[in-house]
Amino acid sequence: VGQIKQKFGELRVYIHDALPEVNELIVKYQEISVKICEGCG
C-alpha cells in the first residue's frame, strides 16, 4: 500500500505490485466513493 486518501472528492488508493484485477477493484471503489459521504457514510 502506497497511500490511501481523499483527493478531489474521491477515494484514492495507491497499491504497488498488485495483480491487475486489484487495479480494476480500486477503480470500482473510487467510483463508489463519489456517491458516499466521506464523513458519515
PDB file of all heavy atoms in Angstrom:
ATOM      1  N   VAL A   1       0.868  -1.173   0.000  1.00  0.00           N
ATOM      2  CA  VAL A   1       0.000   0.000   0.000  1.00  0.00           C
ATOM      3  C   VAL A   1       0.906   1.223   0.000  1.00  0.00           C
ATOM      4  O   VAL A   1       1.797   1.347   0.837  1.00  0.00           O
ATOM      5  CB  VAL A   1      -0.935   0.017   1.226  1.00  0.00           C
ATOM      6  CG1 VAL A   1      -1.786   1.279   1.235  1.00  0.00           C
ATOM      7  CG2 VAL A   1      -1.810  -1.227   1.263  1.00  0.00           C
ATOM      8  N   GLY A   2       0.686   2.111  -0.955  1.00  0.00           N
ATOM      9  CA  GLY A   2       1.482   3.328  -1.046  1.00  0.00           C
ATOM     10  C   GLY A   2       0.811   4.497  -0.342  1.00  0.00           C
ATOM     11  O   GLY A   2       1.444   5.267   0.365  1.00  0.00           O
ATOM     12  N   GLN A   3      -0.514   4.609  -0.544  1.00  0.00           N
ATOM     13  CA  GLN A   3      -1.251   5.713   0.059  1.00  0.00           C
ATOM     14  C   GLN A   3      -2.740   5.479  -0.127  1.00  0.00           C
ATOM     15  O   GLN A   3      -3.176   4.932  -1.143  1.00  0.00           O
ATOM     16  CB  GLN A   3      -0.847   7.039  -0.600  1.00  0.00           C
ATOM     17  CG  GLN A   3      -1.323   8.262   0.097  1.00  0.00           C
ATOM     18  CD  GLN A   3      -0.725   9.544  -0.491  1.00  0.00           C
ATOM     19  OE1 GLN A   3      -0.287   9.572  -1.632  1.00  0.00           O
ATOM     20  NE2 GLN A   3      -0.716  10.594   0.291  1.00  0.00           N
ATOM     21  N   ILE A   4      -3.522   5.903   0.867  1.00  0.00           N
ATOM     22  CA  ILE A   4      -4.975   5.899   0.781  1.00  0.00           C
ATOM     23  C   ILE A   4      -5.440   7.246   1.312  1.00  0.00           C
ATOM     24  O   ILE A   4      -5.161   7.591   2.466  1.00  0.00           O
ATOM     25  CB  ILE A   4      -5.605   4.740   1.587  1.00  0.00           C
ATOM     26  CG1 ILE A   4      -5.175   3.397   0.986  1.00  0.00           C
ATOM     27  CG2 ILE A   4      -7.125   4.877   1.618  1.00  0.00           C
ATOM     28  CD1 ILE A   4      -5.691   2.175   1.722  1.00  0.00           C
ATOM     29  N   LYS A   5      -6.131   8.001   0.438  1.00  0.00           N
ATOM     30  CA  LYS A   5      -6.508   9.359   0.825  1.00  0.00           C
ATOM     31  C   LYS A   5      -7.710   9.842   0.028  1.00  0.00           C
ATOM     32  O   LYS A   5      -8.174   9.175  -0.895  1.00  0.00           O
ATOM     33  CB  LYS A   5      -5.338  10.309   0.588  1.00  0.00           C
ATOM     34  CG  LYS A   5      -4.960  10.474  -0.882  1.00  0.00           C
ATOM     35  CD  LYS A   5      -3.792  11.412  -1.032  1.00  0.00           C
ATOM     36  CE  LYS A   5      -3.427  11.630  -2.493  1.00  0.00           C
ATOM     37  NZ  LYS A   5      -2.373  12.638  -2.610  1.00  0.00           N
ATOM     38  N   GLN A   6      -8.198  11.009   0.372  1.00  0.00           N
ATOM     39  CA  GLN A   6      -9.211  11.710  -0.383  1.00  0.00           C
ATOM     40  C   GLN A   6      -8.501  12.743  -1.242  1.00  0.00           C
ATOM     41  O   GLN A   6      -7.633  13.458  -0.767  1.00  0.00           O
ATOM     42  CB  GLN A   6     -10.194  12.403   0.560  1.00  0.00           C
ATOM     43  CG  GLN A   6     -11.334  13.133  -0.126  1.00  0.00           C
ATOM     44  CD  GLN A   6     -10.985  14.541  -0.605  1.00  0.00           C
ATOM     45  OE1 GLN A   6     -11.186  14.865  -1.756  1.00  0.00           O
ATOM     46  NE2 GLN A   6     -10.457  15.375   0.280  1.00  0.00           N
ATOM     47  N   LYS A   7      -8.855  12.772  -2.510  1.00  0.00           N
ATOM     48  CA  LYS A   7      -8.284  13.786  -3.407  1.00  0.00           C
ATOM     49  C   LYS A   7      -9.350  14.157  -4.421  1.00  0.00           C
ATOM     50  O   LYS A   7      -9.941  13.270  -5.042  1.00  0.00           O
ATOM     51  CB  LYS A   7      -7.042  13.248  -4.111  1.00  0.00           C
ATOM     52  CG  LYS A   7      -6.365  14.266  -4.988  1.00  0.00           C
ATOM     53  CD  LYS A   7      -5.061  13.703  -5.540  1.00  0.00           C
ATOM     54  CE  LYS A   7      -4.356  14.752  -6.381  1.00  0.00           C
ATOM     55  NZ  LYS A   7      -3.089  14.224  -6.904  1.00  0.00           N
ATOM     56  N   PHE A   8      -9.611  15.435  -4.561  1.00  0.00           N
ATOM     57  CA  PHE A   8     -10.637  15.934  -5.470  1.00  0.00           C
ATOM     58  C   PHE A   8     -11.990  15.263  -5.211  1.00  0.00           C
ATOM     59  O   PHE A   8     -12.740  14.981  -6.129  1.00  0.00           O
ATOM     60  CB  PHE A   8     -10.217  15.774  -6.930  1.00  0.00           C
ATOM     61  CG  PHE A   8      -8.950  16.505  -7.278  1.00  0.00           C
ATOM     62  CD1 PHE A   8      -7.855  15.821  -7.754  1.00  0.00           C
ATOM     63  CD2 PHE A   8      -8.863  17.876  -7.121  1.00  0.00           C
ATOM     64  CE1 PHE A   8      -6.686  16.487  -8.073  1.00  0.00           C
ATOM     65  CE2 PHE A   8      -7.697  18.557  -7.430  1.00  0.00           C
ATOM     66  CZ  PHE A   8      -6.603  17.863  -7.910  1.00  0.00           C
ATOM     67  N   GLY A   9     -12.284  14.975  -3.943  1.00  0.00           N
ATOM     68  CA  GLY A   9     -13.563  14.404  -3.551  1.00  0.00           C
ATOM     69  C   GLY A   9     -13.695  12.912  -3.768  1.00  0.00           C
ATOM     70  O   GLY A   9     -14.756  12.359  -3.542  1.00  0.00           O
ATOM     71  N   GLU A  10     -12.627  12.266  -4.212  1.00  0.00           N
ATOM     72  CA  GLU A  10     -12.663  10.825  -4.467  1.00  0.00           C
ATOM     73  C   GLU A  10     -11.695  10.096  -3.546  1.00  0.00           C
ATOM     74  O   GLU A  10     -10.689  10.652  -3.121  1.00  0.00           O
ATOM     75  CB  GLU A  10     -12.200  10.512  -5.901  1.00  0.00           C
ATOM     76  CG  GLU A  10     -13.089  11.003  -6.976  1.00  0.00           C
ATOM     77  CD  GLU A  10     -12.556  10.629  -8.355  1.00  0.00           C
ATOM     78  OE1 GLU A  10     -11.377  10.257  -8.499  1.00  0.00           O
ATOM     79  OE2 GLU A  10     -13.342  10.716  -9.300  1.00  0.00           O
ATOM     80  N   LEU A  11     -12.017   8.851  -3.293  1.00  0.00           N
ATOM     81  CA  LEU A  11     -11.089   7.971  -2.597  1.00  0.00           C
ATOM     82  C   LEU A  11      -9.974   7.636  -3.571  1.00  0.00           C
ATOM     83  O   LEU A  11     -10.225   7.232  -4.700  1.00  0.00           O
ATOM     84  CB  LEU A  11     -11.796   6.690  -2.163  1.00  0.00           C
ATOM     85  CG  LEU A  11     -10.925   5.621  -1.506  1.00  0.00           C
ATOM     86  CD1 LEU A  11     -10.368   6.118  -0.177  1.00  0.00           C
ATOM     87  CD2 LEU A  11     -11.726   4.344  -1.312  1.00  0.00           C
ATOM     88  N   ARG A  12      -8.740   7.828  -3.152  1.00  0.00           N
ATOM     89  CA  ARG A  12      -7.592   7.475  -3.976  1.00  0.00           C
ATOM     90  C   ARG A  12      -6.800   6.408  -3.237  1.00  0.00           C
ATOM     91  O   ARG A  12      -6.446   6.578  -2.067  1.00  0.00           O
ATOM     92  CB  ARG A  12      -6.685   8.679  -4.240  1.00  0.00           C
ATOM     93  CG  ARG A  12      -7.347   9.793  -5.033  1.00  0.00           C
ATOM     94  CD  ARG A  12      -7.647   9.334  -6.464  1.00  0.00           C
ATOM     95  NE  ARG A  12      -8.409  10.316  -7.190  1.00  0.00           N
ATOM     96  CZ  ARG A  12      -7.890  11.236  -8.000  1.00  0.00           C
ATOM     97  NH1 ARG A  12      -6.598  11.289  -8.199  1.00  0.00           N
ATOM     98  NH2 ARG A  12      -8.679  12.100  -8.609  1.00  0.00           N
ATOM     99  N   VAL A  13      -6.562   5.311  -3.915  1.00  0.00           N
ATOM    100  CA  VAL A  13      -5.840   4.185  -3.335  1.00  0.00           C
ATOM    101  C   VAL A  13      -4.677   3.862  -4.251  1.00  0.00           C
ATOM    102  O   VAL A  13      -4.875   3.583  -5.432  1.00  0.00           O
ATOM    103  CB  VAL A  13      -6.757   2.954  -3.174  1.00  0.00           C
ATOM    104  CG1 VAL A  13      -5.980   1.776  -2.616  1.00  0.00           C
ATOM    105  CG2 VAL A  13      -7.942   3.285  -2.281  1.00  0.00           C
ATOM    106  N   TYR A  14      -3.477   3.924  -3.699  1.00  0.00           N
ATOM    107  CA  TYR A  14      -2.272   3.617  -4.463  1.00  0.00           C
ATOM    108  C   TYR A  14      -1.677   2.335  -3.882  1.00  0.00           C
ATOM    109  O   TYR A  14      -1.243   2.318  -2.732  1.00  0.00           O
ATOM    110  CB  TYR A  14      -1.276   4.769  -4.379  1.00  0.00           C
ATOM    111  CG  TYR A  14      -1.861   6.073  -4.874  1.00  0.00           C
ATOM    112  CD1 TYR A  14      -2.368   7.015  -3.987  1.00  0.00           C
ATOM    113  CD2 TYR A  14      -1.939   6.339  -6.242  1.00  0.00           C
ATOM    114  CE1 TYR A  14      -2.916   8.205  -4.437  1.00  0.00           C
ATOM    115  CE2 TYR A  14      -2.492   7.525  -6.703  1.00  0.00           C
ATOM    116  CZ  TYR A  14      -2.978   8.460  -5.791  1.00  0.00           C
ATOM    117  OH  TYR A  14      -3.526   9.633  -6.248  1.00  0.00           O
ATOM    118  N   ILE A  15      -1.732   1.278  -4.675  1.00  0.00           N
ATOM    119  CA  ILE A  15      -1.195  -0.012  -4.267  1.00  0.00           C
ATOM    120  C   ILE A  15      -0.191  -0.445  -5.321  1.00  0.00           C
ATOM    121  O   ILE A  15      -0.457  -0.352  -6.525  1.00  0.00           O
ATOM    122  CB  ILE A  15      -2.308  -1.064  -4.097  1.00  0.00           C
ATOM    123  CG1 ILE A  15      -3.207  -0.673  -2.914  1.00  0.00           C
ATOM    124  CG2 ILE A  15      -1.715  -2.449  -3.882  1.00  0.00           C
ATOM    125  CD1 ILE A  15      -4.320  -1.652  -2.614  1.00  0.00           C
ATOM    126  N   HIS A  16       0.965  -0.906  -4.871  1.00  0.00           N
ATOM    127  CA  HIS A  16       2.043  -1.307  -5.779  1.00  0.00           C
ATOM    128  C   HIS A  16       2.199  -2.826  -5.779  1.00  0.00           C
ATOM    129  O   HIS A  16       1.927  -3.490  -4.790  1.00  0.00           O
ATOM    130  CB  HIS A  16       3.357  -0.652  -5.357  1.00  0.00           C
ATOM    131  CG  HIS A  16       3.225   0.818  -5.094  1.00  0.00           C
ATOM    132  ND1 HIS A  16       2.997   1.726  -6.094  1.00  0.00           N
ATOM    133  CD2 HIS A  16       3.236   1.525  -3.942  1.00  0.00           C
ATOM    134  CE1 HIS A  16       2.899   2.945  -5.575  1.00  0.00           C
ATOM    135  NE2 HIS A  16       3.030   2.844  -4.262  1.00  0.00           N
ATOM    136  N   ASP A  17       2.649  -3.346  -6.903  1.00  0.00           N
ATOM    137  CA  ASP A  17       2.937  -4.782  -7.062  1.00  0.00           C
ATOM    138  C   ASP A  17       1.700  -5.651  -6.892  1.00  0.00           C
ATOM    139  O   ASP A  17       1.789  -6.777  -6.409  1.00  0.00           O
ATOM    140  CB  ASP A  17       4.044  -5.234  -6.092  1.00  0.00           C
ATOM    141  CG  ASP A  17       5.294  -4.384  -6.213  1.00  0.00           C
ATOM    142  OD1 ASP A  17       5.684  -4.075  -7.352  1.00  0.00           O
ATOM    143  OD2 ASP A  17       5.869  -4.024  -5.178  1.00  0.00           O
ATOM    144  N   ALA A  18       0.550  -5.151  -7.290  1.00  0.00           N
ATOM    145  CA  ALA A  18      -0.699  -5.901  -7.160  1.00  0.00           C
ATOM    146  C   ALA A  18      -1.060  -6.554  -8.492  1.00  0.00           C
ATOM    147  O   ALA A  18      -0.595  -6.144  -9.555  1.00  0.00           O
ATOM    148  CB  ALA A  18      -1.823  -4.970  -6.727  1.00  0.00           C
ATOM    149  N   LEU A  19      -1.918  -7.550  -8.414  1.00  0.00           N
ATOM    150  CA  LEU A  19      -2.457  -8.175  -9.620  1.00  0.00           C
ATOM    151  C   LEU A  19      -3.308  -7.155 -10.385  1.00  0.00           C
ATOM    152  O   LEU A  19      -3.901  -6.256  -9.765  1.00  0.00           O
ATOM    153  CB  LEU A  19      -3.324  -9.381  -9.246  1.00  0.00           C
ATOM    154  CG  LEU A  19      -2.611 -10.559  -8.596  1.00  0.00           C
ATOM    155  CD1 LEU A  19      -3.627 -11.605  -8.138  1.00  0.00           C
ATOM    156  CD2 LEU A  19      -1.611 -11.182  -9.558  1.00  0.00           C
ATOM    157  N   PRO A  20      -3.398  -7.274 -11.706  1.00  0.00           N
ATOM    158  CA  PRO A  20      -4.205  -6.324 -12.495  1.00  0.00           C
ATOM    159  C   PRO A  20      -5.647  -6.213 -12.024  1.00  0.00           C
ATOM    160  O   PRO A  20      -6.239  -5.130 -12.061  1.00  0.00           O
ATOM    161  CB  PRO A  20      -4.132  -6.885 -13.918  1.00  0.00           C
ATOM    162  CG  PRO A  20      -2.877  -7.686 -13.958  1.00  0.00           C
ATOM    163  CD  PRO A  20      -2.709  -8.238 -12.564  1.00  0.00           C
ATOM    164  N   GLU A  21      -6.229  -7.321 -11.554  1.00  0.00           N
ATOM    165  CA  GLU A  21      -7.613  -7.284 -11.071  1.00  0.00           C
ATOM    166  C   GLU A  21      -7.770  -6.341  -9.886  1.00  0.00           C
ATOM    167  O   GLU A  21      -8.842  -5.763  -9.689  1.00  0.00           O
ATOM    168  CB  GLU A  21      -8.088  -8.685 -10.659  1.00  0.00           C
ATOM    169  CG  GLU A  21      -8.117  -9.690 -11.779  1.00  0.00           C
ATOM    170  CD  GLU A  21      -6.859 -10.555 -11.854  1.00  0.00           C
ATOM    171  OE1 GLU A  21      -5.763 -10.062 -11.554  1.00  0.00           O
ATOM    172  OE2 GLU A  21      -6.990 -11.726 -12.222  1.00  0.00           O
ATOM    173  N   VAL A  22      -6.720  -6.202  -9.098  1.00  0.00           N
ATOM    174  CA  VAL A  22      -6.772  -5.296  -7.945  1.00  0.00           C
ATOM    175  C   VAL A  22      -6.906  -3.856  -8.421  1.00  0.00           C
ATOM    176  O   VAL A  22      -7.671  -3.077  -7.849  1.00  0.00           O
ATOM    177  CB  VAL A  22      -5.529  -5.483  -7.040  1.00  0.00           C
ATOM    178  CG1 VAL A  22      -5.449  -4.395  -5.978  1.00  0.00           C
ATOM    179  CG2 VAL A  22      -5.555  -6.858  -6.393  1.00  0.00           C
ATOM    180  N   ASN A  23      -6.193  -3.509  -9.473  1.00  0.00           N
ATOM    181  CA  ASN A  23      -6.310  -2.152 -10.012  1.00  0.00           C
ATOM    182  C   ASN A  23      -7.727  -1.878 -10.504  1.00  0.00           C
ATOM    183  O   ASN A  23      -8.243  -0.770 -10.353  1.00  0.00           O
ATOM    184  CB  ASN A  23      -5.286  -1.938 -11.124  1.00  0.00           C
ATOM    185  CG  ASN A  23      -3.871  -2.012 -10.599  1.00  0.00           C
ATOM    186  OD1 ASN A  23      -3.583  -1.547  -9.504  1.00  0.00           O
ATOM    187  ND2 ASN A  23      -2.987  -2.609 -11.356  1.00  0.00           N
ATOM    188  N   GLU A  24      -8.379  -2.891 -11.074  1.00  0.00           N
ATOM    189  CA  GLU A  24      -9.768  -2.745 -11.505  1.00  0.00           C
ATOM    190  C   GLU A  24     -10.685  -2.524 -10.294  1.00  0.00           C
ATOM    191  O   GLU A  24     -11.628  -1.724 -10.354  1.00  0.00           O
ATOM    192  CB  GLU A  24     -10.208  -3.976 -12.290  1.00  0.00           C
ATOM    193  CG  GLU A  24      -9.480  -4.133 -13.616  1.00  0.00           C
ATOM    194  CD  GLU A  24      -9.728  -5.479 -14.280  1.00  0.00           C
ATOM    195  OE1 GLU A  24     -10.675  -6.198 -13.883  1.00  0.00           O
ATOM    196  OE2 GLU A  24      -8.954  -5.810 -15.200  1.00  0.00           O
ATOM    197  N   LEU A  25     -10.418  -3.232  -9.203  1.00  0.00           N
ATOM    198  CA  LEU A  25     -11.205  -3.044  -7.979  1.00  0.00           C
ATOM    199  C   LEU A  25     -11.037  -1.630  -7.425  1.00  0.00           C
ATOM    200  O   LEU A  25     -12.001  -1.024  -6.955  1.00  0.00           O
ATOM    201  CB  LEU A  25     -10.794  -4.055  -6.912  1.00  0.00           C
ATOM    202  CG  LEU A  25     -11.250  -5.488  -7.118  1.00  0.00           C
ATOM    203  CD1 LEU A  25     -10.638  -6.395  -6.054  1.00  0.00           C
ATOM    204  CD2 LEU A  25     -12.763  -5.576  -7.088  1.00  0.00           C
ATOM    205  N   ILE A  26      -9.833  -1.138  -7.475  1.00  0.00           N
ATOM    206  CA  ILE A  26      -9.570   0.217  -6.976  1.00  0.00           C
ATOM    207  C   ILE A  26     -10.408   1.226  -7.747  1.00  0.00           C
ATOM    208  O   ILE A  26     -11.031   2.116  -7.154  1.00  0.00           O
ATOM    209  CB  ILE A  26      -8.066   0.546  -7.047  1.00  0.00           C
ATOM    210  CG1 ILE A  26      -7.311  -0.292  -6.006  1.00  0.00           C
ATOM    211  CG2 ILE A  26      -7.819   2.033  -6.837  1.00  0.00           C
ATOM    212  CD1 ILE A  26      -5.805  -0.255  -6.154  1.00  0.00           C
ATOM    213  N   VAL A  27     -10.462   1.094  -9.056  1.00  0.00           N
ATOM    214  CA  VAL A  27     -11.278   1.995  -9.878  1.00  0.00           C
ATOM    215  C   VAL A  27     -12.750   1.861  -9.496  1.00  0.00           C
ATOM    216  O   VAL A  27     -13.458   2.860  -9.352  1.00  0.00           O
ATOM    217  CB  VAL A  27     -11.057   1.712 -11.380  1.00  0.00           C
ATOM    218  CG1 VAL A  27     -12.068   2.471 -12.232  1.00  0.00           C
ATOM    219  CG2 VAL A  27      -9.633   2.062 -11.792  1.00  0.00           C
ATOM    220  N   LYS A  28     -13.207   0.643  -9.309  1.00  0.00           N
ATOM    221  CA  LYS A  28     -14.603   0.395  -8.914  1.00  0.00           C
ATOM    222  C   LYS A  28     -14.943   1.134  -7.616  1.00  0.00           C
ATOM    223  O   LYS A  28     -15.957   1.833  -7.532  1.00  0.00           O
ATOM    224  CB  LYS A  28     -14.830  -1.108  -8.732  1.00  0.00           C
ATOM    225  CG  LYS A  28     -16.154  -1.484  -8.125  1.00  0.00           C
ATOM    226  CD  LYS A  28     -16.232  -2.985  -7.856  1.00  0.00           C
ATOM    227  CE  LYS A  28     -17.367  -3.371  -6.964  1.00  0.00           C
ATOM    228  NZ  LYS A  28     -17.409  -4.815  -6.688  1.00  0.00           N
ATOM    229  N   TYR A  29     -14.090   0.997  -6.616  1.00  0.00           N
ATOM    230  CA  TYR A  29     -14.379   1.614  -5.319  1.00  0.00           C
ATOM    231  C   TYR A  29     -14.145   3.126  -5.334  1.00  0.00           C
ATOM    232  O   TYR A  29     -14.781   3.864  -4.573  1.00  0.00           O
ATOM    233  CB  TYR A  29     -13.609   0.911  -4.203  1.00  0.00           C
ATOM    234  CG  TYR A  29     -14.287  -0.393  -3.862  1.00  0.00           C
ATOM    235  CD1 TYR A  29     -13.844  -1.600  -4.390  1.00  0.00           C
ATOM    236  CD2 TYR A  29     -15.419  -0.418  -3.061  1.00  0.00           C
ATOM    237  CE1 TYR A  29     -14.499  -2.790  -4.117  1.00  0.00           C
ATOM    238  CE2 TYR A  29     -16.086  -1.598  -2.783  1.00  0.00           C
ATOM    239  CZ  TYR A  29     -15.624  -2.777  -3.307  1.00  0.00           C
ATOM    240  OH  TYR A  29     -16.291  -3.947  -3.035  1.00  0.00           O
ATOM    241  N   GLN A  30     -13.286   3.583  -6.200  1.00  0.00           N
ATOM    242  CA  GLN A  30     -13.107   5.024  -6.377  1.00  0.00           C
ATOM    243  C   GLN A  30     -14.414   5.616  -6.909  1.00  0.00           C
ATOM    244  O   GLN A  30     -14.857   6.680  -6.443  1.00  0.00           O
ATOM    245  CB  GLN A  30     -11.963   5.262  -7.364  1.00  0.00           C
ATOM    246  CG  GLN A  30     -11.466   6.671  -7.436  1.00  0.00           C
ATOM    247  CD  GLN A  30     -10.181   6.743  -8.253  1.00  0.00           C
ATOM    248  OE1 GLN A  30      -9.201   6.092  -7.941  1.00  0.00           O
ATOM    249  NE2 GLN A  30     -10.209   7.532  -9.297  1.00  0.00           N
ATOM    250  N   GLU A  31     -15.034   4.938  -7.853  1.00  0.00           N
ATOM    251  CA  GLU A  31     -16.316   5.399  -8.403  1.00  0.00           C
ATOM    252  C   GLU A  31     -17.425   5.347  -7.357  1.00  0.00           C
ATOM    253  O   GLU A  31     -18.292   6.223  -7.322  1.00  0.00           O
ATOM    254  CB  GLU A  31     -16.683   4.568  -9.632  1.00  0.00           C
ATOM    255  CG  GLU A  31     -15.771   4.830 -10.811  1.00  0.00           C
ATOM    256  CD  GLU A  31     -15.960   3.869 -11.979  1.00  0.00           C
ATOM    257  OE1 GLU A  31     -16.806   2.937 -11.870  1.00  0.00           O
ATOM    258  OE2 GLU A  31     -15.259   4.035 -12.990  1.00  0.00           O
ATOM    259  N   ILE A  32     -17.408   4.362  -6.499  1.00  0.00           N
ATOM    260  CA  ILE A  32     -18.401   4.280  -5.417  1.00  0.00           C
ATOM    261  C   ILE A  32     -18.222   5.436  -4.442  1.00  0.00           C
ATOM    262  O   ILE A  32     -19.200   6.014  -3.953  1.00  0.00           O
ATOM    263  CB  ILE A  32     -18.283   2.921  -4.683  1.00  0.00           C
ATOM    264  CG1 ILE A  32     -18.755   1.788  -5.600  1.00  0.00           C
ATOM    265  CG2 ILE A  32     -19.069   2.933  -3.371  1.00  0.00           C
ATOM    266  CD1 ILE A  32     -18.464   0.390  -5.069  1.00  0.00           C
ATOM    267  N   SER A  33     -16.984   5.810  -4.166  1.00  0.00           N
ATOM    268  CA  SER A  33     -16.701   6.833  -3.146  1.00  0.00           C
ATOM    269  C   SER A  33     -17.318   8.191  -3.471  1.00  0.00           C
ATOM    270  O   SER A  33     -17.622   8.946  -2.553  1.00  0.00           O
ATOM    271  CB  SER A  33     -15.194   6.980  -2.934  1.00  0.00           C
ATOM    272  OG  SER A  33     -14.580   7.658  -4.022  1.00  0.00           O
ATOM    273  N   VAL A  34     -17.510   8.507  -4.738  1.00  0.00           N
ATOM    274  CA  VAL A  34     -18.060   9.826  -5.078  1.00  0.00           C
ATOM    275  C   VAL A  34     -19.566   9.903  -4.835  1.00  0.00           C
ATOM    276  O   VAL A  34     -20.165  10.952  -5.044  1.00  0.00           O
ATOM    277  CB  VAL A  34     -17.724  10.239  -6.535  1.00  0.00           C
ATOM    278  CG1 VAL A  34     -16.223  10.312  -6.736  1.00  0.00           C
ATOM    279  CG2 VAL A  34     -18.380   9.336  -7.550  1.00  0.00           C
ATOM    280  N   LYS A  35     -20.137   8.806  -4.342  1.00  0.00           N
ATOM    281  CA  LYS A  35     -21.570   8.774  -4.033  1.00  0.00           C
ATOM    282  C   LYS A  35     -21.823   8.571  -2.546  1.00  0.00           C
ATOM    283  O   LYS A  35     -22.959   8.401  -2.120  1.00  0.00           O
ATOM    284  CB  LYS A  35     -22.241   7.636  -4.814  1.00  0.00           C
ATOM    285  CG  LYS A  35     -22.108   7.778  -6.310  1.00  0.00           C
ATOM    286  CD  LYS A  35     -22.623   6.554  -7.014  1.00  0.00           C
ATOM    287  CE  LYS A  35     -22.262   6.614  -8.487  1.00  0.00           C
ATOM    288  NZ  LYS A  35     -22.389   5.327  -9.138  1.00  0.00           N
ATOM    289  N   ILE A  36     -20.749   8.556  -1.751  1.00  0.00           N
ATOM    290  CA  ILE A  36     -20.844   8.283  -0.311  1.00  0.00           C
ATOM    291  C   ILE A  36     -20.156   9.408   0.462  1.00  0.00           C
ATOM    292  O   ILE A  36     -19.012   9.770   0.158  1.00  0.00           O
ATOM    293  CB  ILE A  36     -20.160   6.938   0.045  1.00  0.00           C
ATOM    294  CG1 ILE A  36     -20.767   5.784  -0.743  1.00  0.00           C
ATOM    295  CG2 ILE A  36     -20.183   6.678   1.544  1.00  0.00           C
ATOM    296  CD1 ILE A  36     -22.202   5.466  -0.401  1.00  0.00           C
ATOM    297  N   CYS A  37     -20.827   9.936   1.470  1.00  0.00           N
ATOM    298  CA  CYS A  37     -20.239  10.992   2.293  1.00  0.00           C
ATOM    299  C   CYS A  37     -18.997  10.460   2.992  1.00  0.00           C
ATOM    300  O   CYS A  37     -19.048   9.447   3.695  1.00  0.00           O
ATOM    301  CB  CYS A  37     -21.251  11.488   3.327  1.00  0.00           C
ATOM    302  SG  CYS A  37     -20.560  12.688   4.490  1.00  0.00           S
ATOM    303  N   GLU A  38     -17.905  11.162   2.799  1.00  0.00           N
ATOM    304  CA  GLU A  38     -16.647  10.771   3.435  1.00  0.00           C
ATOM    305  C   GLU A  38     -16.723  10.888   4.954  1.00  0.00           C
ATOM    306  O   GLU A  38     -16.026  10.175   5.670  1.00  0.00           O
ATOM    307  CB  GLU A  38     -15.513  11.660   2.906  1.00  0.00           C
ATOM    308  CG  GLU A  38     -14.179  11.357   3.507  1.00  0.00           C
ATOM    309  CD  GLU A  38     -13.104  12.369   3.150  1.00  0.00           C
ATOM    310  OE1 GLU A  38     -13.359  13.296   2.358  1.00  0.00           O
ATOM    311  OE2 GLU A  38     -11.998  12.229   3.692  1.00  0.00           O
ATOM    312  N   GLY A  39     -17.577  11.742   5.439  1.00  0.00           N
ATOM    313  CA  GLY A  39     -17.667  11.962   6.878  1.00  0.00           C
ATOM    314  C   GLY A  39     -18.499  10.934   7.625  1.00  0.00           C
ATOM    315  O   GLY A  39     -18.093  10.438   8.672  1.00  0.00           O
ATOM    316  N   CYS A  40     -19.684  10.600   7.071  1.00  0.00           N
ATOM    317  CA  CYS A  40     -20.604   9.738   7.828  1.00  0.00           C
ATOM    318  C   CYS A  40     -21.059   8.488   7.082  1.00  0.00           C
ATOM    319  O   CYS A  40     -21.670   7.609   7.679  1.00  0.00           O
ATOM    320  CB  CYS A  40     -21.822  10.534   8.280  1.00  0.00           C
ATOM    321  SG  CYS A  40     -22.888  11.069   6.912  1.00  0.00           S
ATOM    322  N   GLY A  41     -20.809   8.410   5.782  1.00  0.00           N
ATOM    323  CA  GLY A  41     -21.136   7.203   5.030  1.00  0.00           C
ATOM    324  C   GLY A  41     -22.523   7.166   4.403  1.00  0.00           C
ATOM    325  O   GLY A  41     -22.874   6.174   3.778  1.00  0.00           O
TER     326      GLY A  41
END
